[in-house]
N, C-alpha and C. Protein backbone atom coordinates (compact mmCIF):
# COMPACT_ATOMS: atom_id res chain seq x y z
N UNK A 1 30.05 -19.91 57.47
CA UNK A 1 28.57 -20.27 58.19
C UNK A 1 28.88 -21.99 57.87
N UNK A 2 28.70 -22.33 59.17
CA UNK A 2 28.51 -24.16 58.75
C UNK A 2 27.55 -24.30 58.84
N UNK A 3 27.12 -26.22 58.03
CA UNK A 3 25.74 -26.22 57.40
C UNK A 3 24.62 -26.44 58.92
N UNK A 4 25.31 -26.59 59.74
CA UNK A 4 24.66 -27.35 61.26
C UNK A 4 23.67 -25.31 61.99
N UNK A 5 24.39 -24.51 60.96
CA UNK A 5 23.99 -22.83 61.56
C UNK A 5 22.64 -22.29 60.37
N UNK A 6 22.13 -23.60 59.48
CA UNK A 6 21.57 -23.13 58.22
C UNK A 6 20.24 -23.85 58.96
N UNK A 7 18.70 -23.39 58.61
CA UNK A 7 17.61 -24.60 58.56
C UNK A 7 16.81 -24.32 56.92
N UNK A 8 16.40 -25.57 56.27
CA UNK A 8 15.96 -24.94 55.05
C UNK A 8 14.47 -24.94 55.44
N UNK A 9 13.64 -23.90 54.88
CA UNK A 9 12.04 -23.66 54.76
C UNK A 9 11.75 -22.85 53.70
N UNK A 10 11.27 -24.27 52.89
CA UNK A 10 10.89 -24.15 51.73
C UNK A 10 11.87 -24.27 50.48
N UNK A 11 11.89 -22.91 50.31
CA UNK A 11 13.16 -22.32 49.19
C UNK A 11 13.53 -21.32 50.20
N UNK A 12 13.55 -20.99 51.29
CA UNK A 12 14.73 -20.12 52.10
C UNK A 12 15.26 -21.03 52.76
N UNK A 13 16.59 -19.89 53.02
CA UNK A 13 17.51 -20.61 54.52
C UNK A 13 17.29 -19.57 55.35
N UNK A 14 17.11 -20.11 56.76
CA UNK A 14 17.00 -18.85 57.89
C UNK A 14 18.66 -18.91 57.89
N UNK A 15 19.45 -17.71 58.33
CA UNK A 15 20.54 -17.49 58.29
C UNK A 15 20.30 -16.45 59.31
N UNK A 16 20.32 -16.61 61.23
CA UNK A 16 19.95 -15.27 61.51
C UNK A 16 18.36 -14.61 61.67
N UNK A 17 18.62 -13.71 61.26
CA UNK A 17 17.24 -13.03 61.28
C UNK A 17 16.41 -12.73 60.10
N UNK A 18 17.14 -13.20 59.14
CA UNK A 18 16.80 -13.75 57.66
C UNK A 18 16.55 -14.72 57.15
N UNK A 19 15.91 -14.45 56.11
CA UNK A 19 15.74 -15.48 55.12
C UNK A 19 16.42 -15.20 53.80
N UNK A 20 17.00 -16.21 53.82
CA UNK A 20 18.20 -16.01 52.04
C UNK A 20 17.57 -17.17 50.67
N UNK A 21 17.26 -16.43 49.73
CA UNK A 21 16.98 -17.00 48.99
C UNK A 21 17.47 -15.98 47.52
N UNK A 22 17.44 -16.74 45.97
CA UNK A 22 17.79 -16.51 44.85
C UNK A 22 17.23 -15.33 44.70
N UNK A 23 16.93 -14.51 43.93
CA UNK A 23 15.57 -13.29 43.38
C UNK A 23 16.30 -12.08 42.13
N UNK A 24 15.64 -12.41 40.98
CA UNK A 24 16.00 -11.39 40.78
C UNK A 24 14.50 -10.69 39.88
N UNK A 25 15.73 -9.28 39.92
CA UNK A 25 14.84 -8.15 40.16
C UNK A 25 15.20 -7.86 38.57
N UNK A 26 14.15 -6.86 37.81
CA UNK A 26 13.98 -6.42 36.46
C UNK A 26 13.36 -5.39 36.47
N UNK A 27 13.76 -4.15 35.59
CA UNK A 27 12.89 -3.65 34.97
C UNK A 27 13.10 -3.18 33.30
N UNK A 28 12.36 -2.37 32.78
CA UNK A 28 12.30 -2.22 30.92
C UNK A 28 11.83 -1.29 31.03
N UNK A 29 12.36 -0.33 30.02
CA UNK A 29 13.05 1.41 29.72
C UNK A 29 12.55 1.29 27.82
N UNK A 30 12.00 1.69 27.10
CA UNK A 30 12.14 2.29 25.54
C UNK A 30 12.98 3.19 25.51
N UNK A 31 14.15 2.68 24.63
CA UNK A 31 14.94 3.13 24.01
C UNK A 31 14.81 3.48 22.31
N UNK A 32 14.86 4.75 22.03
CA UNK A 32 14.80 5.96 22.20
C UNK A 32 13.20 5.60 22.70
N UNK A 33 12.82 6.99 24.07
CA UNK A 33 11.47 7.19 24.57
C UNK A 33 10.55 7.50 23.23
N UNK A 34 10.58 8.52 22.09
CA UNK A 34 9.77 7.87 21.10
C UNK A 34 10.67 8.45 19.60
N UNK A 35 10.09 8.26 18.90
CA UNK A 35 11.00 8.69 17.47
C UNK A 35 11.99 7.48 17.25
N UNK A 36 12.91 7.78 16.51
CA UNK A 36 13.89 6.95 16.03
C UNK A 36 15.12 8.10 16.65
N UNK A 37 15.56 9.06 16.92
CA UNK A 37 16.91 9.73 17.19
C UNK A 37 16.95 9.63 18.25
N UNK A 38 18.51 8.95 19.00
CA UNK A 38 19.52 8.89 19.70
C UNK A 38 20.47 9.86 20.17
N UNK A 39 20.25 11.08 20.83
CA UNK A 39 21.28 12.40 20.98
C UNK A 39 22.21 11.95 21.52
N UNK A 40 23.75 12.50 21.05
CA UNK A 40 24.28 12.37 22.04
C UNK A 40 23.83 13.00 23.70
N UNK A 41 24.28 12.08 24.30
CA UNK A 41 24.67 12.38 25.85
C UNK A 41 22.77 11.75 26.27
N UNK A 42 22.03 11.34 25.74
CA UNK A 42 20.58 10.51 25.93
C UNK A 42 20.89 9.40 27.20
N UNK A 43 20.42 9.57 28.05
CA UNK A 43 20.69 8.81 29.28
C UNK A 43 19.22 7.73 29.50
N UNK A 44 19.09 7.23 29.54
CA UNK A 44 18.05 6.14 30.29
C UNK A 44 18.09 4.93 31.44
N UNK A 45 16.96 6.08 32.29
CA UNK A 45 17.61 5.28 33.96
C UNK A 45 16.06 4.03 34.01
N UNK A 46 17.08 2.87 34.50
CA UNK A 46 16.61 1.40 34.84
C UNK A 46 15.87 1.97 36.38
N UNK A 47 14.99 1.04 36.92
CA UNK A 47 14.46 0.57 38.31
C UNK A 47 14.58 2.28 39.12
N UNK A 48 13.83 3.28 38.17
CA UNK A 48 13.40 4.55 38.87
C UNK A 48 12.32 5.13 39.03
N UNK A 49 11.64 5.17 37.45
CA UNK A 49 10.39 5.06 37.22
C UNK A 49 9.33 4.06 36.98
N UNK A 50 8.28 3.45 38.50
CA UNK A 50 8.24 2.31 38.33
C UNK A 50 6.70 2.55 38.49
N UNK A 51 6.23 3.78 38.73
CA UNK A 51 4.84 4.00 39.04
C UNK A 51 3.61 3.68 37.96
N UNK A 52 3.56 3.46 36.55
CA UNK A 52 3.32 3.15 35.56
C UNK A 52 3.18 2.26 34.72
N UNK A 53 4.19 1.04 35.08
CA UNK A 53 4.45 -0.09 34.75
C UNK A 53 3.92 -1.22 35.43
N UNK A 54 3.60 -2.40 33.96
CA UNK A 54 3.00 -3.29 34.83
C UNK A 54 3.76 -4.38 35.25
N UNK A 55 3.65 -6.09 35.55
CA UNK A 55 4.55 -6.89 36.16
C UNK A 55 4.62 -7.40 35.11
N UNK A 56 4.79 -7.50 34.35
CA UNK A 56 5.64 -7.62 33.21
C UNK A 56 7.06 -7.06 33.27
N UNK A 57 6.73 -5.27 32.65
CA UNK A 57 7.87 -4.36 32.61
C UNK A 57 8.88 -4.11 33.64
N UNK A 58 8.85 -4.37 35.16
CA UNK A 58 9.28 -4.46 36.03
C UNK A 58 8.37 -5.32 37.34
N UNK A 59 9.05 -6.12 38.01
CA UNK A 59 9.26 -6.43 40.02
C UNK A 59 9.43 -5.90 40.57
N UNK A 60 9.83 -4.15 40.21
CA UNK A 60 10.15 -4.09 41.05
C UNK A 60 8.66 -2.81 42.39
N UNK A 61 9.02 -2.92 43.38
CA UNK A 61 7.50 -2.70 43.86
C UNK A 61 8.27 -0.88 44.67
N UNK A 62 8.96 -0.39 45.05
CA UNK A 62 9.91 0.47 45.18
C UNK A 62 10.85 1.23 44.54
N UNK A 63 10.69 2.28 44.28
CA UNK A 63 11.62 2.55 43.02
C UNK A 63 13.57 3.06 44.16
N UNK A 64 13.78 2.84 42.85
CA UNK A 64 15.22 2.53 43.11
C UNK A 64 16.20 1.84 44.47
N UNK A 65 15.08 1.21 44.64
CA UNK A 65 15.32 0.53 46.06
C UNK A 65 14.61 -0.65 46.72
N UNK A 66 15.04 -1.51 47.40
CA UNK A 66 14.39 -2.76 47.51
C UNK A 66 13.04 -2.27 49.06
N UNK A 67 12.25 -3.64 48.75
CA UNK A 67 11.37 -3.75 50.07
C UNK A 67 11.63 -3.32 50.95
N UNK A 68 11.33 -2.62 51.94
CA UNK A 68 12.13 -2.23 53.81
C UNK A 68 12.18 -3.37 54.31
N UNK A 69 13.93 -3.37 54.53
CA UNK A 69 14.46 -3.70 55.83
C UNK A 69 14.64 -5.24 54.27
N UNK A 70 15.05 -5.00 53.44
CA UNK A 70 15.70 -6.28 52.78
C UNK A 70 16.80 -5.91 52.38
N UNK A 71 18.08 -6.77 52.57
CA UNK A 71 19.06 -6.98 51.43
C UNK A 71 19.52 -7.57 50.75
N UNK A 72 20.86 -7.40 49.74
CA UNK A 72 20.62 -8.19 48.83
C UNK A 72 22.74 -8.03 48.43
N UNK A 73 22.95 -8.86 47.61
CA UNK A 73 23.99 -8.80 46.95
C UNK A 73 23.90 -9.72 45.78
N UNK A 74 24.32 -8.66 44.36
CA UNK A 74 24.20 -8.31 43.08
C UNK A 74 25.11 -8.86 43.00
N UNK A 75 24.95 -10.08 42.00
CA UNK A 75 25.98 -11.41 41.89
C UNK A 75 26.42 -10.96 40.10
N UNK A 76 25.13 -10.93 39.35
CA UNK A 76 25.01 -10.86 38.10
C UNK A 76 24.20 -9.52 37.09
N UNK A 77 24.43 -8.76 36.59
CA UNK A 77 23.49 -8.13 35.64
C UNK A 77 23.47 -8.68 33.90
N UNK A 78 22.08 -8.78 33.14
CA UNK A 78 22.11 -8.83 32.65
C UNK A 78 21.23 -7.80 31.13
N UNK A 79 21.43 -8.13 30.50
CA UNK A 79 20.59 -6.78 29.27
C UNK A 79 20.28 -8.23 28.12
N UNK A 80 18.53 -7.84 28.37
CA UNK A 80 18.02 -8.27 27.29
C UNK A 80 17.25 -7.80 25.94
N UNK A 81 17.76 -7.81 25.04
CA UNK A 81 16.78 -7.27 23.80
C UNK A 81 16.06 -8.37 22.81
N UNK A 82 14.83 -7.06 22.80
CA UNK A 82 13.78 -8.63 22.60
C UNK A 82 14.46 -9.04 21.12
N UNK A 83 13.96 -10.42 20.40
CA UNK A 83 13.93 -11.37 19.24
C UNK A 83 13.81 -10.49 18.31
N UNK A 84 12.59 -9.33 18.17
CA UNK A 84 12.28 -8.65 17.15
C UNK A 84 12.71 -7.22 17.02
N UNK A 85 14.22 -6.90 17.67
CA UNK A 85 14.99 -5.44 17.46
C UNK A 85 15.51 -6.04 16.12
N UNK A 86 15.18 -4.32 15.29
CA UNK A 86 15.69 -4.74 13.85
C UNK A 86 17.86 -5.38 14.05
N UNK A 87 18.10 -5.59 12.96
CA UNK A 87 19.40 -5.84 13.08
C UNK A 87 20.05 -4.75 13.83
N UNK A 88 19.98 -3.51 12.88
CA UNK A 88 20.61 -2.49 12.56
C UNK A 88 20.92 -1.75 14.14
N UNK A 89 19.51 -1.52 14.71
CA UNK A 89 19.22 -1.19 15.57
C UNK A 89 20.11 -1.80 16.96
N UNK A 90 19.87 -3.99 17.07
CA UNK A 90 21.12 -4.25 17.38
C UNK A 90 21.92 -3.55 17.80
N UNK A 91 22.93 -3.60 16.84
CA UNK A 91 24.10 -3.54 16.58
C UNK A 91 24.79 -2.12 17.20
N UNK A 92 23.61 -1.23 17.59
CA UNK A 92 23.72 -0.16 17.37
C UNK A 92 23.63 0.54 19.38
N UNK A 93 22.48 -0.11 20.02
CA UNK A 93 22.16 -0.58 20.52
C UNK A 93 23.32 -1.09 21.58
N UNK A 94 23.92 -2.22 21.50
CA UNK A 94 25.06 -3.18 21.59
C UNK A 94 25.96 -2.77 21.70
N UNK A 95 26.39 -2.07 21.12
CA UNK A 95 27.57 -1.12 20.54
C UNK A 95 27.58 0.40 20.99
N UNK A 96 26.98 0.71 21.38
CA UNK A 96 27.14 2.29 21.75
C UNK A 96 26.44 3.00 22.87
N UNK A 97 25.69 1.22 23.31
CA UNK A 97 24.75 1.11 24.22
C UNK A 97 25.58 1.21 26.24
N UNK A 98 26.19 2.51 26.78
CA UNK A 98 27.06 2.16 27.66
C UNK A 98 26.44 1.81 28.85
N UNK A 99 26.51 0.58 29.44
CA UNK A 99 25.17 0.53 30.41
C UNK A 99 26.14 0.80 32.37
N UNK A 100 25.62 1.25 32.63
CA UNK A 100 25.91 1.48 34.36
C UNK A 100 25.28 1.63 35.35
N UNK A 101 25.84 0.77 36.81
CA UNK A 101 25.21 0.43 37.98
C UNK A 101 25.93 1.44 38.72
N UNK A 102 24.78 2.28 39.49
CA UNK A 102 25.17 2.82 40.96
C UNK A 102 24.42 2.61 42.37
N UNK A 103 25.15 3.12 43.10
CA UNK A 103 24.32 3.22 44.58
C UNK A 103 24.57 3.74 44.67
N UNK A 104 23.78 4.71 45.63
CA UNK A 104 24.20 5.68 46.37
C UNK A 104 23.90 6.85 44.93
N UNK A 105 23.11 6.68 43.87
CA UNK A 105 22.72 8.02 43.13
C UNK A 105 24.16 8.23 42.38
N UNK A 106 25.39 8.21 43.02
CA UNK A 106 26.58 8.74 42.48
C UNK A 106 27.92 7.45 42.50
N UNK A 107 27.60 6.26 43.49
CA UNK A 107 28.63 5.53 43.65
C UNK A 107 28.97 4.42 42.18
N UNK A 108 29.43 4.90 41.61
CA UNK A 108 29.46 3.65 40.27
C UNK A 108 30.25 2.88 40.35
N UNK A 109 29.70 1.19 40.26
CA UNK A 109 29.92 0.09 40.98
C UNK A 109 30.06 -0.88 39.49
N UNK A 110 29.15 -0.99 38.13
CA UNK A 110 29.90 -1.17 37.20
C UNK A 110 29.90 -0.75 35.83
N UNK A 111 30.18 -0.58 35.51
CA UNK A 111 30.24 0.16 33.56
C UNK A 111 30.51 -0.83 32.54
N UNK A 112 30.01 -0.65 31.60
CA UNK A 112 30.65 -1.21 30.27
C UNK A 112 29.58 -1.38 29.15
N UNK A 113 30.10 -1.90 27.98
CA UNK A 113 29.17 -1.82 26.38
C UNK A 113 28.14 -2.79 27.07
N UNK A 114 26.46 -2.91 26.52
CA UNK A 114 25.12 -3.21 26.69
C UNK A 114 25.89 -4.51 26.17
N UNK A 115 26.90 -4.65 24.99
CA UNK A 115 27.06 -6.00 24.83
C UNK A 115 27.95 -6.92 25.93
N UNK A 116 28.47 -7.05 26.53
CA UNK A 116 29.38 -6.97 28.02
C UNK A 116 28.73 -7.42 28.50
N UNK A 117 27.45 -7.56 28.56
CA UNK A 117 26.42 -7.87 29.88
C UNK A 117 25.17 -8.71 29.06
N UNK A 118 25.44 -9.84 28.98
CA UNK A 118 24.51 -11.00 27.79
C UNK A 118 23.25 -11.09 29.12
N UNK A 119 22.55 -11.79 28.10
CA UNK A 119 21.29 -12.23 28.44
C UNK A 119 20.80 -13.52 29.57
N UNK A 120 21.96 -14.74 29.19
CA UNK A 120 22.33 -16.10 29.53
C UNK A 120 20.86 -16.45 29.80
N UNK A 121 19.78 -16.27 28.68
CA UNK A 121 18.29 -16.58 28.74
C UNK A 121 17.72 -16.26 27.79
N UNK A 122 16.34 -16.93 27.40
CA UNK A 122 15.48 -16.28 26.08
C UNK A 122 15.99 -17.07 25.04
N UNK A 123 15.26 -16.56 23.86
CA UNK A 123 15.99 -17.31 23.01
C UNK A 123 17.04 -16.64 22.41
N UNK A 124 18.35 -17.94 21.30
CA UNK A 124 18.94 -17.15 20.72
C UNK A 124 18.90 -16.70 19.62
N UNK A 125 19.17 -15.38 19.64
CA UNK A 125 19.21 -14.19 18.31
C UNK A 125 20.07 -13.74 17.49
N UNK A 126 21.27 -14.12 16.25
CA UNK A 126 21.86 -13.35 15.83
C UNK A 126 21.72 -12.78 14.98
N UNK A 127 21.67 -11.44 14.57
CA UNK A 127 21.22 -9.87 14.35
C UNK A 127 22.16 -9.80 13.15
N UNK A 128 21.49 -9.97 12.05
CA UNK A 128 22.46 -10.09 11.06
C UNK A 128 22.19 -8.16 10.03
N UNK A 129 22.81 -7.71 9.56
CA UNK A 129 22.86 -6.52 9.33
C UNK A 129 23.99 -5.47 8.66
N UNK A 130 23.64 -4.44 7.70
CA UNK A 130 24.78 -4.12 7.60
C UNK A 130 24.82 -2.90 7.95
N UNK A 131 24.85 -2.69 9.25
CA UNK A 131 25.15 -1.02 9.57
C UNK A 131 26.73 -0.45 9.48
N UNK A 132 26.23 0.84 8.91
CA UNK A 132 26.96 1.01 7.73
C UNK A 132 27.28 1.18 6.57
N UNK A 133 27.53 0.55 6.71
CA UNK A 133 26.98 -0.08 4.73
C UNK A 133 28.17 -1.37 4.93
N UNK A 134 28.46 -2.13 5.84
CA UNK A 134 29.23 -3.33 6.01
C UNK A 134 28.74 -4.15 6.70
N UNK A 135 28.72 -5.79 6.09
CA UNK A 135 27.91 -6.36 6.97
C UNK A 135 28.87 -7.39 8.06
N UNK A 136 27.59 -7.64 9.30
CA UNK A 136 27.51 -7.22 10.59
C UNK A 136 26.70 -7.74 11.47
N UNK A 137 27.44 -8.92 12.83
CA UNK A 137 26.65 -10.06 13.14
C UNK A 137 26.79 -9.15 14.72
N UNK A 138 25.48 -9.24 15.61
CA UNK A 138 25.53 -8.94 16.87
C UNK A 138 24.25 -10.22 17.17
N UNK A 139 25.16 -10.55 18.56
CA UNK A 139 24.12 -10.86 19.87
C UNK A 139 24.04 -10.81 20.99
N UNK A 140 23.45 -10.44 21.32
CA UNK A 140 23.26 -10.53 23.58
C UNK A 140 23.46 -11.86 23.87
N UNK A 141 24.29 -12.63 23.07
CA UNK A 141 24.11 -14.17 24.08
C UNK A 141 23.49 -15.11 24.00
N UNK A 142 24.04 -16.16 24.45
CA UNK A 142 23.37 -17.30 23.94
C UNK A 142 22.32 -17.51 25.06
N UNK A 143 21.67 -18.43 25.10
CA UNK A 143 20.72 -18.80 26.22
C UNK A 143 20.90 -19.71 27.19
N UNK A 144 21.83 -19.54 27.90
CA UNK A 144 23.04 -20.48 28.84
C UNK A 144 23.19 -19.51 29.98
N UNK A 145 22.61 -19.43 30.82
CA UNK A 145 23.62 -18.68 31.87
C UNK A 145 25.23 -19.02 32.86
N UNK A 146 25.63 -19.50 31.88
CA UNK A 146 27.22 -20.22 31.61
C UNK A 146 27.73 -19.01 30.55
N UNK A 147 26.92 -18.52 29.44
CA UNK A 147 26.71 -17.39 29.06
C UNK A 147 27.16 -16.02 29.22
N UNK A 148 26.67 -15.72 30.90
CA UNK A 148 26.34 -15.07 31.06
C UNK A 148 27.09 -14.61 32.75
N UNK A 149 28.36 -14.81 32.64
CA UNK A 149 29.12 -15.41 33.90
C UNK A 149 29.09 -13.94 35.34
N UNK A 150 28.85 -14.75 36.51
CA UNK A 150 28.50 -13.80 37.33
C UNK A 150 29.73 -12.98 37.49
N UNK A 151 29.20 -12.04 38.33
CA UNK A 151 30.73 -10.86 39.06
C UNK A 151 31.55 -12.08 40.00
N UNK A 152 32.76 -11.17 39.56
CA UNK A 152 33.73 -12.33 40.91
C UNK A 152 33.84 -12.07 41.64
N UNK A 153 34.17 -12.41 42.83
CA UNK A 153 34.14 -12.69 44.66
C UNK A 153 34.21 -11.27 44.82
N UNK A 154 35.60 -10.74 43.96
CA UNK A 154 35.27 -9.59 44.90
C UNK A 154 34.86 -8.12 44.30
N UNK A 155 33.40 -8.45 42.99
CA UNK A 155 33.43 -7.43 42.36
C UNK A 155 31.18 -7.48 43.13
N UNK A 156 31.23 -8.38 43.66
CA UNK A 156 29.97 -8.86 43.87
C UNK A 156 29.66 -7.27 44.37
N UNK A 157 28.24 -6.49 44.40
CA UNK A 157 27.60 -5.15 44.98
C UNK A 157 26.90 -5.86 46.02
N UNK A 158 26.97 -5.48 47.36
CA UNK A 158 26.09 -5.02 48.55
C UNK A 158 25.30 -4.02 48.99
N UNK A 159 23.70 -4.36 48.75
CA UNK A 159 23.34 -3.66 49.00
C UNK A 159 22.74 -3.35 50.20
N UNK A 160 22.87 -2.39 50.79
CA UNK A 160 22.06 -2.32 52.50
C UNK A 160 20.90 -2.51 52.95
N UNK A 161 20.31 -1.98 54.16
CA UNK A 161 19.08 -2.04 54.13
C UNK A 161 18.11 -0.84 53.71
N UNK A 162 17.50 -0.20 52.94
CA UNK A 162 16.86 1.05 52.39
C UNK A 162 18.20 2.09 51.02
N UNK A 163 19.11 1.19 50.59
CA UNK A 163 20.52 1.68 50.42
C UNK A 163 20.13 1.85 48.19
N UNK A 164 19.64 2.96 48.07
CA UNK A 164 19.22 3.03 46.94
C UNK A 164 20.31 2.51 45.29
N UNK A 165 19.42 2.35 44.28
CA UNK A 165 20.55 1.39 43.27
C UNK A 165 19.79 1.92 41.93
N UNK A 166 20.32 2.46 40.66
CA UNK A 166 19.68 2.68 39.57
C UNK A 166 20.85 2.19 38.80
N UNK A 167 20.85 1.15 37.61
CA UNK A 167 20.59 1.40 36.19
C UNK A 167 20.62 2.15 35.03
N UNK A 168 21.61 2.96 34.27
CA UNK A 168 21.49 3.31 32.97
C UNK A 168 21.79 2.92 32.15
N UNK A 169 22.02 3.44 30.80
CA UNK A 169 22.22 3.52 29.34
C UNK A 169 22.09 4.24 28.84
N UNK A 170 23.27 4.64 28.62
CA UNK A 170 23.79 5.87 28.00
C UNK A 170 24.83 6.06 26.85
N UNK A 171 24.64 7.23 25.88
CA UNK A 171 24.83 6.72 24.65
C UNK A 171 25.67 8.62 24.82
N UNK A 172 26.89 8.07 24.14
CA UNK A 172 28.11 9.28 23.68
C UNK A 172 28.01 9.81 22.73
N UNK A 173 27.50 8.58 21.81
CA UNK A 173 27.29 10.00 20.36
C UNK A 173 25.78 9.96 20.03
N UNK A 174 25.52 10.68 19.16
CA UNK A 174 24.27 10.54 18.68
C UNK A 174 24.17 9.03 17.17
N UNK A 175 22.94 8.37 17.26
CA UNK A 175 22.57 7.36 16.35
C UNK A 175 21.18 7.73 16.32
N UNK A 176 20.60 7.42 15.07
CA UNK A 176 19.72 7.44 14.30
C UNK A 176 18.64 5.40 14.29
N UNK A 177 17.87 5.16 14.70
CA UNK A 177 17.86 3.37 14.62
C UNK A 177 16.47 3.68 13.91
N UNK A 178 15.95 2.17 13.72
CA UNK A 178 14.84 2.18 12.95
C UNK A 178 13.21 2.44 13.76
N UNK A 179 13.60 2.12 15.36
CA UNK A 179 12.20 1.90 15.62
C UNK A 179 12.60 2.01 16.84
N UNK A 180 11.95 1.93 18.14
CA UNK A 180 11.22 1.88 19.80
C UNK A 180 12.16 1.20 19.98
N UNK A 181 12.45 0.36 20.99
CA UNK A 181 13.13 -1.20 21.65
C UNK A 181 13.12 -0.69 22.95
N UNK A 182 12.69 -2.32 23.64
CA UNK A 182 12.10 -2.28 24.81
C UNK A 182 12.99 -3.14 25.52
N UNK A 183 14.18 -2.10 26.62
CA UNK A 183 15.67 -2.62 26.82
C UNK A 183 15.18 -3.53 28.49
N UNK A 184 15.57 -4.74 28.20
CA UNK A 184 14.85 -4.84 29.94
C UNK A 184 16.76 -4.96 30.69
N UNK A 185 16.79 -4.82 31.97
CA UNK A 185 18.00 -5.33 32.61
C UNK A 185 17.56 -6.13 33.89
N UNK A 186 17.74 -7.55 33.70
CA UNK A 186 18.31 -8.28 35.32
C UNK A 186 19.10 -8.08 36.49
N UNK A 187 18.77 -8.02 36.98
CA UNK A 187 19.84 -7.73 38.45
C UNK A 187 19.25 -9.07 39.34
N UNK A 188 20.50 -10.01 39.04
CA UNK A 188 20.59 -11.10 39.89
C UNK A 188 20.88 -11.19 40.91
N UNK A 189 20.45 -11.38 41.90
CA UNK A 189 20.50 -11.04 43.99
C UNK A 189 20.84 -12.22 44.65
N UNK A 190 21.54 -12.10 45.67
CA UNK A 190 21.08 -13.08 46.79
C UNK A 190 20.21 -12.02 47.78
N UNK A 191 19.13 -12.96 47.57
CA UNK A 191 18.35 -11.74 48.75
C UNK A 191 17.96 -12.44 50.21
N UNK A 192 18.52 -11.70 51.28
CA UNK A 192 18.42 -11.48 52.69
C UNK A 192 16.78 -10.68 53.20
N UNK A 193 15.85 -11.64 53.68
CA UNK A 193 14.59 -10.66 53.68
C UNK A 193 14.61 -10.79 55.52
N UNK A 194 13.77 -9.86 56.02
CA UNK A 194 13.50 -10.32 57.45
C UNK A 194 12.36 -11.02 57.27
N UNK A 195 12.19 -12.52 58.29
CA UNK A 195 11.70 -13.52 59.27
C UNK A 195 10.63 -12.43 59.55
N UNK A 196 9.21 -12.92 58.91
CA UNK A 196 8.13 -12.53 59.49
C UNK A 196 6.96 -13.50 59.86
């Protein structure tokens, strides 16, 4: 697409019948839901149950999908742990939490330990703990987008109109944490919305 075909309107670019802009979508899930035990096989789903959440918890307006007629390209996924997270809990979540991103319910598009999806923003927090009796340091990344690199050009995820998506944090082995933690997953997108 040449510059001659792009018209800027505020922060949108008109591209055919779509306005194009950067947009980040997020959702918050409490892990574990209650208590302190995480069982082997526990699965926490993001971007699905949004009905009782506030705007601080999520900016999704529909479960598992973008608004009607919207398309997007996901170019980065980030995971955020709040600074108040207990150090030993951070070590468990970051190293034992397996993050997965699906489209169409069953099509696995991204997968990796929680620590492989750094937050890229917020406060820099180094969790110092003694998990399993040994000194341990954990962090979910420096507060810089350079520390949260985008997906490679061949790995970006294109969401078609009406296509469903969800992220999960799965635990393959049991763990015991000190308290519950609100985990946030961010999806950085290039959003295409209809011109109205």
